[in-house]
Protein backbone atom coordinates (compact mmCIF):
# COMPACT_ATOMS: atom_id res chain seq x y z
CA MET A 1 0.00 0.00 0.00
CA ARG A 2 1.25 3.44 -0.89
CA ARG A 3 2.29 5.61 2.07
CA GLU A 4 2.00 9.35 2.34
CA ILE A 5 3.80 11.39 4.97
CA ILE A 6 1.83 14.45 6.07
CA THR A 7 3.58 17.55 7.43
CA TRP A 8 2.36 19.85 10.21
CA ASN A 9 1.66 22.49 7.57
CA GLN A 10 -0.55 20.02 5.69
CA VAL A 11 -2.40 19.19 8.93
CA ASP A 12 -3.07 22.91 9.39
CA GLN A 13 -4.41 23.10 5.83
CA LEU A 14 -6.64 20.05 6.36
CA VAL A 15 -8.09 21.52 9.55
CA ASP A 16 -8.60 24.87 7.78
CA HIS A 17 -10.49 22.98 5.06
CA LEU A 18 -12.73 21.28 7.64
CA ILE A 19 -13.75 24.33 9.66
CA PRO A 20 -16.09 25.92 7.06
CA GLN A 21 -17.80 22.54 6.56
CA LEU A 22 -18.85 22.29 10.21
CA ASP A 23 -22.30 23.76 9.75
CA LYS A 24 -23.83 22.81 13.10
CA GLU A 25 -23.57 24.00 16.68
CA PHE A 26 -21.83 21.25 18.62
CA ASP A 27 -22.30 20.81 22.36
CA ALA A 28 -19.15 18.74 22.72
CA LEU A 29 -16.26 17.25 20.83
CA LEU A 30 -15.27 13.62 21.31
CA MET A 31 -11.72 12.68 20.29
CA ILE A 32 -10.96 9.06 19.46
CA THR A 33 -7.58 8.05 20.85
CA CYS A 34 -4.92 8.17 19.75
CA GLY A 35 -5.33 9.53 16.22
CA GLY A 36 -8.10 12.00 16.98
CA ILE A 37 -6.33 13.82 19.79
CA VAL A 38 -4.31 16.28 17.70
CA PRO A 39 -6.95 17.16 15.08
CA GLY A 40 -9.63 17.13 17.79
CA GLY A 41 -7.69 19.59 19.89
CA MET A 42 -7.12 21.85 16.91
CA LEU A 43 -10.82 21.79 15.99
CA ALA A 44 -11.95 22.31 19.59
CA GLU A 45 -9.77 25.41 19.81
CA ALA A 46 -10.98 26.78 16.46
CA LEU A 47 -14.64 26.12 17.31
CA HIS A 48 -14.31 27.40 20.90
CA LEU A 49 -15.64 24.11 22.28
CA THR A 50 -14.94 23.59 25.95
CA GLN A 51 -16.58 20.21 26.55
CA ILE A 52 -13.89 17.85 25.27
CA LEU A 53 -14.38 14.11 25.67
CA THR A 54 -12.33 11.06 24.72
CA ALA A 55 -13.10 7.53 23.65
CA SER A 56 -10.62 4.69 23.46
CA VAL A 57 -11.67 1.64 21.49
CA ASP A 58 -9.81 -1.61 20.97
CA PHE A 59 -10.58 -4.47 18.66
CA PRO A 60 -9.14 -7.89 19.55
CA SER A 61 -6.19 -8.65 17.28
CA GLU A 62 -7.07 -12.33 17.19
CA LEU A 63 -10.38 -14.08 17.46
CA HIS A 64 -10.82 -17.70 18.35
CA THR A 65 -11.49 -18.62 14.75
CA PRO A 66 -9.69 -20.75 12.19
CA SER A 67 -6.41 -19.19 11.08
CA GLY A 68 -6.30 -17.12 7.92
CA ALA A 69 -9.73 -15.60 8.49
CA GLU A 70 -8.86 -11.90 8.05
CA LYS A 71 -12.51 -10.91 7.57
CA ARG A 72 -13.38 -12.48 10.90
CA LYS A 73 -10.76 -10.27 12.56
CA LEU A 74 -12.46 -7.24 11.03
CA ALA A 75 -15.81 -8.40 12.41
CA ALA A 76 -14.58 -8.44 16.03
CA TRP A 77 -16.71 -6.66 18.63
CA PRO A 78 -15.15 -3.49 20.01
CA PHE A 79 -13.88 -3.24 23.55
CA TYR A 80 -14.29 0.25 25.01
CA LEU A 81 -11.29 1.07 27.18
CA GLN A 82 -12.64 4.56 27.86
CA PHE A 83 -15.95 6.19 26.98
CA PRO A 84 -17.88 9.18 28.34
CA ASP A 85 -20.71 8.58 30.77
CA ASP A 86 -24.14 8.82 29.14
CA ARG A 87 -24.97 11.88 31.29
CA LEU A 88 -22.28 13.78 29.40
CA VAL A 89 -23.60 12.99 25.91
CA ALA A 90 -27.35 12.25 26.11
CA GLY A 91 -29.35 14.73 24.07
CA LYS A 92 -26.21 16.52 22.87
CA THR A 93 -24.83 17.16 19.41
CA ILE A 94 -21.36 15.61 19.43
CA LEU A 95 -18.56 16.12 16.91
CA VAL A 96 -16.62 12.81 16.81
CA VAL A 97 -13.06 13.35 15.56
CA ASP A 98 -10.44 10.87 14.38
CA ASP A 99 -7.48 11.26 12.06
CA VAL A 100 -8.55 8.82 9.34
CA TRP A 101 -11.56 6.74 8.29
CA GLY A 102 -9.93 3.64 6.83
CA SER A 103 -12.07 0.58 7.44
CA GLY A 104 -14.42 2.77 9.50
CA ARG A 105 -14.67 0.23 12.33
CA THR A 106 -13.57 2.46 15.19
CA ILE A 107 -15.46 5.63 14.33
CA ASN A 108 -18.63 3.67 13.50
CA ALA A 109 -18.40 1.78 16.80
CA VAL A 110 -18.19 5.12 18.61
CA ARG A 111 -21.03 6.61 16.55
CA SER A 112 -23.25 3.60 17.23
CA ARG A 113 -22.59 3.70 20.94
CA LEU A 114 -23.36 7.44 21.05
CA ASN A 115 -26.60 6.85 19.13
CA GLY A 116 -27.52 4.25 21.73
CA MET A 117 -26.91 6.85 24.44
CA ALA A 118 -29.41 9.30 22.83
CA ALA A 119 -26.64 11.58 21.50
CA MET A 120 -26.53 13.07 18.02
CA PRO A 121 -23.04 12.23 16.71
CA PHE A 122 -21.44 13.68 13.59
CA THR A 123 -18.18 12.14 12.36
CA CYS A 124 -15.17 14.15 11.25
CA VAL A 125 -11.78 12.99 9.95
CA LEU A 126 -8.79 14.47 8.20
CA HIS A 127 -8.64 11.66 5.62
CA PHE A 128 -11.31 9.34 4.23
CA ASN A 129 -10.25 6.17 2.40
CA PRO A 130 -13.33 4.93 0.50
CA HIS A 131 -11.34 1.97 -0.86
CA ARG A 132 -10.94 0.44 2.63
CA ASN A 133 -14.38 1.43 3.95
CA LEU A 134 -16.27 -1.57 5.33
CA PHE A 135 -19.45 0.46 5.89
CA SER A 136 -20.27 1.66 2.39
CA PRO A 137 -22.32 3.65 1.59
CA ALA A 138 -21.65 5.23 5.02
CA ARG A 139 -18.95 7.86 5.04
CA PRO A 140 -17.78 10.60 7.39
CA ASP A 141 -20.10 13.55 7.81
CA TYR A 142 -17.07 15.81 7.43
CA TYR A 143 -13.66 15.09 5.93
CA ALA A 144 -10.83 17.18 4.57
CA ALA A 145 -9.39 14.83 1.93
CA ILE A 146 -9.98 11.53 0.16
CA THR A 147 -7.04 9.13 -0.09
CA ASP A 148 -6.07 5.64 -1.13
CA ALA A 149 -2.79 5.78 0.80
CA TYR A 150 -1.70 4.80 4.27
CA ILE A 151 -1.30 8.21 5.92
CA VAL A 152 1.58 8.90 8.30
CA TYR A 153 0.87 11.98 10.39
CA PRO A 154 3.62 14.20 11.82
CA TRP A 155 2.84 13.07 15.38
CA GLU A 156 3.58 9.47 14.32
CA VAL A 157 6.99 9.98 12.73
CA ALA A 158 10.13 8.90 14.63
CA ARG A 159 8.60 8.95 18.08
CA GLY A 160 8.34 6.29 20.71
CA PRO A 161 10.72 3.38 21.28
CA GLU A 162 10.86 2.29 17.63
CA GLY A 163 9.35 5.23 15.74
CA ILE A 164 7.35 4.31 12.67
CA SER A 165 8.73 2.30 9.82
CA LEU A 166 7.91 3.75 6.45
CA ASN A 167 8.81 0.49 4.74
CA ASN A 168 6.62 -1.95 6.66
CA PRO A 169 2.95 -1.65 7.67
């Protein structure tokens, strides 16, 4: 898969492209960890939102299924490591932010859970990859760019114990 390295300047441009699209009054912004933290913070600041929430979702890396069943891995149920209490979201219009909508599993799991909590979620990402989307025809409510590449954001490059390898997924 083709990789594209995004600079901080490009992130600024993507956020600037998103802001005019956000045509609703949002009561809160929910950032999906870890990818949604930086763009979520930038959008919260630009939109003057003070109720900032986080959600952390994990999907099991292996299911107890026969080996070689990649689609079964993608069908795993989400495990919510962190999620706002329903009192914080019920009846509210929530902007749900992540960096990228690839398969769409994480952001759709968050959106579904918020719907079940009587919230009104709207999804927002920097990049939308329709070629990997498992939820077609669903797509983000707001996105800055369409891509077919694996995006490497500036907050992912050369940080942590190993950094990120640009040669291996």
